[in-house]
Amino acid sequence: MRVLLTGGAGFIGSAVARRIIETTQDALLVFDKLTYAGNLASLAPIAHDPRYSFTRADICDRKAATRAFDEFQPDIVMHLAAESHVDRSIDGPAAFVQTNVVGTFTLLDVALAYWRRLDPARAAAFRFLHISTDEVFGALGPEGLFREDTPYAPSSPYSASKAGADHLVRAWRETYGLPTIVTNCSNNYGPYHFPEKLIPLTILNAIEGRPLPVYGRGENVRDWLYVEDHAAALLQVARAGVVGESYNVGGRSERRNIDVVRLICGILDEIRPRVGSYAEQIAFVADRPGHDLRYAIDCSKIERDLGWRPTESFESGLRKTVRWYLDNEDWWRTIRAGGYSGERLGRLA
């Protein structure tokens, strides 16, 4: 197949790109604006494969998107391009509305025009897979899980913009017949993760001797999903998912933030020991505005209907992640020396 992957230089997108080239015979076009979180170094392992190609462009650019569709002739669109960091959405929500809502609308409109021109067999096989987040569902109490039919209740500018995108994707299916599928995933972690999120930021701050900031008292709970497992799930949905359906993708690995940070410290104490524990660097800081207490995914539908299951436990995946950052200093030191050095974002004031 021919796969057009938006946001393919980002964290999850690059994992999908690498998996496509390394495990399939598909042709791949990565379409990415290369914002601060896009990194061609994350695509270096596949950059010389003849089935891989790259276009630097914005999903809001209708002409560039139309040209990509017309020239590459995709069978599948996997739409991962998004502004994704909650803290940044608090500081600057306009970029999130522009990319996540307007950009998704633009891509849907271009895809619809392209799909309508396909011959009947190719049109029947075409898929537009939109990758979203569990944050669109809002917050859970101490019990319960997000299901595919959980009502949307976004709490941040980021999650609201992703909810808007999800609704547009479904509307293009219901109104125009575009064959779309939506996935909603839990928190991803793993190699090549831009170090503004909890796990990579904690790893790098720890080994550099900086404070390890934990919002509030660290009681917020997330369901963690190893990014390579997520990439495998997305390829399975692209191939076998049912048009018009949505699939929740989770790792069945709920952890409090403070426990995640302590586990990282314990792994570092073991594999890069020093005088004293890394946990001595933990520093509780003012909580994020509107910080949802708990997310947890019910992923039984994708397990039952498509046969996907995560292969990594949280402990095994986290150990691999810590080891990767220790072994790939060139990748992250370039980021630390460039546009982001680990400073706190999303303070409001």
Protein backbone atom coordinates (compact mmCIF):
# COMPACT_ATOMS: atom_id res chain seq x y z
CA MET A 1 0.00 0.00 0.00
CA ARG A 2 0.89 3.68 -0.23
CA VAL A 3 0.69 5.47 3.13
CA LEU A 4 0.59 9.25 3.55
CA LEU A 5 1.60 9.96 7.14
CA THR A 6 1.11 13.47 8.53
CA GLY A 7 3.24 14.42 11.52
CA GLY A 8 5.63 11.60 10.72
CA ALA A 9 8.67 13.41 12.13
CA GLY A 10 7.09 13.66 15.57
CA PHE A 11 7.24 11.21 18.45
CA ILE A 12 4.40 8.82 17.61
CA GLY A 13 4.56 9.58 13.90
CA SER A 14 8.22 8.63 13.58
CA ALA A 15 7.55 5.36 15.42
CA VAL A 16 4.82 4.60 12.87
CA ALA A 17 7.11 5.60 10.00
CA ARG A 18 9.95 3.39 11.18
CA ARG A 19 7.57 0.47 11.68
CA ILE A 20 6.08 0.83 8.20
CA ILE A 21 9.47 0.75 6.50
CA GLU A 22 11.00 -1.89 8.78
CA THR A 23 8.09 -4.37 8.91
CA THR A 24 6.07 -3.93 5.69
CA GLN A 25 6.57 -3.50 1.95
CA ASP A 26 4.47 -0.32 1.87
CA ALA A 27 5.57 2.98 0.32
CA LEU A 28 5.56 5.91 2.73
CA LEU A 29 5.30 9.67 2.34
CA VAL A 30 5.92 11.63 5.55
CA PHE A 31 4.22 15.04 5.41
CA ASP A 32 5.48 17.23 8.25
CA LYS A 33 5.88 20.95 8.96
CA LEU A 34 8.90 20.30 11.22
CA THR A 35 7.77 22.41 14.14
CA TYR A 36 9.86 22.38 17.33
CA ALA A 37 8.79 18.77 18.05
CA GLY A 38 9.42 17.47 14.53
CA ASN A 39 12.85 15.97 14.12
CA LEU A 40 14.35 14.43 11.00
CA ALA A 41 16.89 12.66 13.23
CA SER A 42 14.00 10.47 14.42
CA LEU A 43 13.59 9.28 10.82
CA ALA A 44 17.31 8.72 10.20
CA PRO A 45 17.05 4.90 10.56
CA ILE A 46 14.79 4.75 7.47
CA ALA A 47 15.83 7.86 5.55
CA HIS A 48 17.76 5.99 2.86
CA ASP A 49 15.11 3.39 2.10
CA PRO A 50 13.75 3.83 -1.47
CA ARG A 51 10.17 3.34 -0.21
CA TYR A 52 10.47 6.40 2.07
CA SER A 53 9.92 9.99 0.97
CA PHE A 54 9.48 13.26 2.85
CA THR A 55 7.64 16.51 2.18
CA ARG A 56 8.08 19.52 4.44
CA ALA A 57 4.71 21.25 4.52
CA ASP A 58 1.88 22.40 6.77
CA ILE A 59 -1.43 20.53 6.85
CA CYS A 60 -3.12 23.96 6.78
CA ASP A 61 -1.57 24.56 3.34
CA ARG A 62 -4.26 23.33 0.94
CA LYS A 63 -2.07 23.58 -2.15
CA ALA A 64 0.75 21.57 -0.59
CA ALA A 65 -1.67 18.92 0.70
CA THR A 66 -3.41 18.67 -2.67
CA ARG A 67 -0.07 18.29 -4.44
CA ALA A 68 0.98 15.53 -2.03
CA PHE A 69 -2.24 13.59 -2.63
CA ASP A 70 -2.11 14.03 -6.40
CA GLU A 71 1.55 13.06 -6.75
CA PHE A 72 1.81 10.29 -4.13
CA GLN A 73 -1.66 8.75 -4.69
CA PRO A 74 -2.12 7.28 -1.19
CA ASP A 75 -4.26 4.29 -0.31
CA ILE A 76 -4.24 5.24 3.37
CA VAL A 77 -3.88 8.54 5.20
CA MET A 78 -2.64 8.28 8.78
CA HIS A 79 -3.20 11.70 10.33
CA LEU A 80 -0.95 12.31 13.33
CA ALA A 81 0.08 15.93 12.74
CA ALA A 82 -0.95 17.92 15.80
CA GLU A 83 0.12 20.34 18.47
CA SER A 84 0.10 18.00 21.46
CA HIS A 85 1.45 19.48 24.71
CA VAL A 86 -1.18 20.58 27.24
CA ASP A 87 1.14 23.08 28.91
CA ARG A 88 1.91 24.78 25.58
CA SER A 89 -1.82 24.93 24.81
CA ILE A 90 -2.30 26.93 28.02
CA ASP A 91 0.40 29.40 26.99
CA GLY A 92 -0.67 29.67 23.32
CA PRO A 93 -4.01 28.08 22.39
CA ALA A 94 -4.24 29.72 18.95
CA ALA A 95 -1.65 27.38 17.42
CA PHE A 96 -3.62 24.38 18.69
CA VAL A 97 -6.87 25.57 17.13
CA GLN A 98 -5.09 26.36 13.87
CA THR A 99 -3.24 23.06 13.49
CA ASN A 100 -5.58 20.61 15.19
CA VAL A 101 -8.92 22.02 14.00
CA VAL A 102 -8.25 24.07 10.85
CA GLY A 103 -5.47 21.74 9.73
CA THR A 104 -7.64 18.65 10.16
CA PHE A 105 -10.48 20.35 8.26
CA THR A 106 -8.11 21.23 5.41
CA LEU A 107 -6.75 17.69 5.23
CA LEU A 108 -10.25 16.18 5.27
CA ASP A 109 -11.41 18.49 2.49
CA VAL A 110 -8.39 17.64 0.33
CA ALA A 111 -8.77 13.93 1.06
CA LEU A 112 -12.46 14.04 0.12
CA ALA A 113 -11.76 15.65 -3.24
CA TYR A 114 -9.01 13.09 -3.91
CA TRP A 115 -11.19 10.14 -2.82
CA ARG A 116 -14.02 11.21 -5.11
CA ARG A 117 -11.67 11.01 -8.10
CA LEU A 118 -10.53 7.44 -7.41
CA ASP A 119 -11.81 4.50 -9.40
CA PRO A 120 -14.44 2.42 -7.55
CA ALA A 121 -12.04 -0.30 -6.36
CA ARG A 122 -9.47 2.13 -4.97
CA ALA A 123 -12.18 4.33 -3.44
CA ALA A 124 -13.63 1.32 -1.64
CA ALA A 125 -10.21 0.42 -0.20
CA PHE A 126 -9.20 3.97 0.78
CA ARG A 127 -8.97 4.83 4.50
CA PHE A 128 -8.48 8.07 6.45
CA LEU A 129 -7.22 7.15 9.92
CA HIS A 130 -7.31 9.99 12.45
CA ILE A 131 -5.18 9.51 15.57
CA SER A 132 -6.48 11.27 18.69
CA THR A 133 -6.15 11.18 22.47
CA ASP A 134 -8.02 9.95 25.52
CA GLU A 135 -7.90 13.52 26.86
CA VAL A 136 -10.98 14.38 24.79
CA PHE A 137 -13.03 12.40 27.33
CA GLY A 138 -12.07 14.66 30.25
CA ALA A 139 -11.29 13.25 33.69
CA LEU A 140 -12.25 10.04 35.45
CA GLY A 141 -12.87 9.56 39.14
CA PRO A 142 -11.10 6.82 41.11
CA GLU A 143 -13.00 4.11 39.22
CA GLY A 144 -14.06 3.43 35.64
CA LEU A 145 -12.49 3.47 32.19
CA PHE A 146 -12.87 5.50 29.01
CA ARG A 147 -14.77 3.53 26.38
CA GLU A 148 -15.38 4.39 22.74
CA ASP A 149 -18.86 5.67 23.63
CA THR A 150 -17.74 7.82 26.59
CA PRO A 151 -19.11 11.37 26.14
CA TYR A 152 -16.55 14.02 25.26
CA ALA A 153 -15.69 16.51 28.02
CA PRO A 154 -12.31 18.13 27.20
CA SER A 155 -10.68 20.23 29.90
CA SER A 156 -7.73 21.97 28.21
CA PRO A 157 -7.26 23.97 25.01
CA TYR A 158 -5.29 20.99 23.67
CA SER A 159 -7.97 18.39 24.36
CA ALA A 160 -10.71 20.73 23.14
CA SER A 161 -8.90 21.20 19.84
CA LYS A 162 -8.46 17.44 19.45
CA ALA A 163 -12.13 16.88 20.29
CA GLY A 164 -13.04 19.36 17.57
CA ALA A 165 -10.86 17.46 15.10
CA ASP A 166 -12.46 14.14 16.08
CA HIS A 167 -15.92 15.56 15.46
CA LEU A 168 -14.90 16.90 12.05
CA VAL A 169 -13.54 13.49 11.04
CA ARG A 170 -16.80 11.79 12.01
CA ALA A 171 -18.83 14.51 10.26
CA TRP A 172 -16.94 13.97 7.00
CA ARG A 173 -17.83 10.29 7.25
CA GLU A 174 -21.50 10.87 8.05
CA THR A 175 -22.08 13.77 5.66
CA TYR A 176 -19.83 13.01 2.71
CA GLY A 177 -19.13 9.30 3.07
CA LEU A 178 -15.35 9.66 3.41
CA PRO A 179 -14.13 6.31 4.85
CA THR A 180 -12.72 7.47 8.17
CA ILE A 181 -11.64 5.70 11.38
CA VAL A 182 -10.70 7.35 14.69
CA THR A 183 -8.37 6.08 17.40
CA ASN A 184 -7.98 7.53 20.90
CA CYS A 185 -4.82 6.59 22.77
CA SER A 186 -3.55 6.89 26.31
CA ASN A 187 -0.26 8.55 27.29
CA ASN A 188 2.60 7.39 25.07
CA TYR A 189 6.22 7.03 26.15
CA GLY A 190 9.36 5.60 24.61
CA PRO A 191 12.39 6.52 22.45
CA TYR A 192 12.57 9.74 20.41
CA HIS A 193 10.13 11.58 22.72
CA PHE A 194 10.60 15.37 22.74
CA PRO A 195 11.73 16.13 26.31
CA GLU A 196 8.86 18.37 27.41
CA LYS A 197 6.63 15.50 28.61
CA LEU A 198 6.88 13.86 32.03
CA ILE A 199 8.96 10.76 31.31
CA PRO A 200 11.70 12.12 29.01
CA LEU A 201 11.91 15.36 31.00
CA THR A 202 12.38 13.40 34.23
CA ILE A 203 15.06 11.17 32.71
CA LEU A 204 17.09 14.06 31.33
CA ASN A 205 16.71 16.29 34.37
CA ALA A 206 17.78 13.40 36.58
CA ILE A 207 20.99 12.63 34.73
CA GLU A 208 21.83 16.35 34.47
CA GLY A 209 21.34 16.83 38.23
CA ARG A 210 18.35 19.17 37.89
CA PRO A 211 15.17 19.18 39.99
CA LEU A 212 12.52 16.66 38.95
CA PRO A 213 9.29 18.72 38.90
CA VAL A 214 6.11 16.90 39.92
CA TYR A 215 2.82 18.78 39.63
CA GLY A 216 0.80 19.09 42.85
CA ARG A 217 1.46 16.01 44.97
CA GLY A 218 1.87 13.69 41.99
CA GLU A 219 -1.51 12.03 42.53
CA ASN A 220 -2.68 12.39 38.91
CA VAL A 221 -3.04 9.01 37.22
CA ARG A 222 -2.32 8.14 33.59
CA ASP A 223 -2.55 4.93 31.58
CA TRP A 224 0.83 4.50 29.89
CA LEU A 225 1.33 3.01 26.40
CA TYR A 226 4.73 2.16 24.92
CA VAL A 227 5.00 4.01 21.62
CA GLU A 228 6.08 0.95 19.60
CA ASP A 229 2.99 -0.90 20.80
CA HIS A 230 0.88 2.07 19.73
CA ALA A 231 2.50 2.09 16.29
CA ALA A 232 1.65 -1.59 15.88
CA ALA A 233 -1.95 -0.89 16.88
CA LEU A 234 -2.27 1.90 14.33
CA LEU A 235 -1.03 -0.27 11.50
CA GLN A 236 -3.52 -2.95 12.54
CA VAL A 237 -6.37 -0.42 12.55
CA ALA A 238 -5.30 0.94 9.16
CA ARG A 239 -5.46 -2.55 7.67
CA ALA A 240 -8.35 -4.16 9.48
CA GLY A 241 -10.33 -1.41 11.21
CA VAL A 242 -13.97 -0.91 10.28
CA VAL A 243 -14.92 2.34 8.56
CA GLY A 244 -16.93 4.60 10.85
CA GLU A 245 -15.68 2.93 14.03
CA SER A 246 -13.41 4.29 16.72
CA TYR A 247 -10.87 2.27 18.71
CA ASN A 248 -9.34 3.06 22.09
CA VAL A 249 -5.67 2.11 22.38
CA GLY A 250 -4.26 1.77 25.89
CA GLY A 251 -1.47 0.03 27.74
CA ARG A 252 -3.44 -1.22 30.76
CA SER A 253 -0.72 0.44 32.85
CA GLU A 254 -2.20 3.00 35.23
CA ARG A 255 0.36 4.80 37.37
CA ARG A 256 0.39 7.91 39.54
CA ASN A 257 2.80 10.54 38.28
CA ILE A 258 4.84 10.40 41.47
CA ASP A 259 5.21 6.63 41.11
CA VAL A 260 6.40 7.05 37.51
CA VAL A 261 9.05 9.53 38.61
CA ARG A 262 10.18 7.29 41.47
CA LEU A 263 10.40 4.28 39.16
CA ILE A 264 12.61 6.24 36.74
CA CYS A 265 14.83 7.20 39.67
CA GLY A 266 15.04 3.56 40.74
CA ILE A 267 16.07 2.42 37.26
CA LEU A 268 18.74 5.12 37.10
CA ASP A 269 19.97 4.20 40.58
CA GLU A 270 20.50 0.69 39.24
CA ILE A 271 22.00 1.28 35.79
CA ARG A 272 23.79 4.61 36.36
CA PRO A 273 24.48 4.66 40.10
CA ARG A 274 25.99 7.63 41.93
CA VAL A 275 26.25 8.88 45.48
CA GLY A 276 22.70 9.20 46.79
CA SER A 277 19.45 8.40 44.99
CA TYR A 278 18.10 10.33 42.02
CA ALA A 279 14.83 10.53 43.99
CA GLU A 280 16.47 13.20 46.14
CA GLN A 281 15.96 15.57 43.17
CA ILE A 282 12.14 15.27 43.23
CA ALA A 283 10.54 18.70 43.67
CA PHE A 284 6.79 19.23 44.01
CA VAL A 285 5.61 22.33 42.10
CA ALA A 286 2.36 24.23 41.60
CA ASP A 287 -0.18 22.11 39.76
CA ARG A 288 -1.12 22.61 36.12
CA PRO A 289 -4.34 24.66 35.66
CA GLY A 290 -7.29 22.35 34.99
CA HIS A 291 -5.17 19.23 35.54
CA ASP A 292 -7.37 16.14 34.98
CA LEU A 293 -7.08 13.70 37.86
CA ARG A 294 -7.18 10.36 36.08
CA TYR A 295 -7.25 8.84 32.61
CA ALA A 296 -7.66 5.14 31.93
CA ILE A 297 -8.50 3.36 28.68
CA ASP A 298 -10.72 0.36 28.08
CA CYS A 299 -8.96 -1.17 25.07
CA SER A 300 -11.01 -4.39 24.99
CA LYS A 301 -12.59 -3.47 21.62
CA ILE A 302 -9.32 -3.36 19.67
CA GLU A 303 -8.12 -6.46 21.52
CA ARG A 304 -11.30 -8.36 20.72
CA ASP A 305 -12.02 -7.15 17.19
CA LEU A 306 -8.54 -6.65 15.75
CA GLY A 307 -6.40 -8.96 17.88
CA TRP A 308 -3.99 -6.27 19.09
CA ARG A 309 -2.43 -6.29 22.55
CA PRO A 310 0.50 -4.36 24.03
CA THR A 311 3.69 -6.38 24.23
CA GLU A 312 5.49 -4.26 26.82
CA SER A 313 4.64 -3.95 30.48
CA PHE A 314 5.14 -0.48 31.89
CA GLU A 315 8.24 -1.62 33.74
CA SER A 316 9.85 -3.26 30.70
CA GLY A 317 8.98 -0.36 28.40
CA LEU A 318 10.22 2.23 30.87
CA ARG A 319 13.52 0.41 31.31
CA LYS A 320 13.99 0.37 27.51
CA THR A 321 13.14 4.06 27.40
CA VAL A 322 15.63 5.08 30.10
CA ARG A 323 18.32 3.00 28.42
CA TRP A 324 17.59 4.62 25.04
CA TYR A 325 18.07 8.14 26.41
CA LEU A 326 21.31 7.11 28.08
CA ASP A 327 22.57 5.59 24.83
CA ASN A 328 21.44 8.41 22.50
CA GLU A 329 22.76 11.61 24.02
CA ASP A 330 23.45 13.15 20.60
CA TRP A 331 19.72 13.07 19.79
CA TRP A 332 18.52 14.87 22.91
CA ARG A 333 21.50 17.13 23.58
CA THR A 334 20.84 18.80 20.22
CA ILE A 335 17.34 19.62 21.49
CA ARG A 336 18.58 20.80 24.88
CA ALA A 337 21.06 23.12 23.15
CA GLY A 338 18.42 24.42 20.76
CA GLY A 339 14.90 25.60 21.38
CA TYR A 340 13.95 23.84 24.62
CA SER A 341 16.05 23.27 27.73
CA GLY A 342 13.41 21.86 30.08
CA GLU A 343 11.82 25.03 31.46
CA ARG A 344 8.34 24.99 33.02
CA LEU A 345 5.47 25.79 30.65
CA GLY A 346 1.76 26.49 31.19
CA ARG A 347 1.91 28.60 34.36
CA LEU A 348 -0.88 31.08 33.44
CA ALA A 349 1.06 33.78 35.26
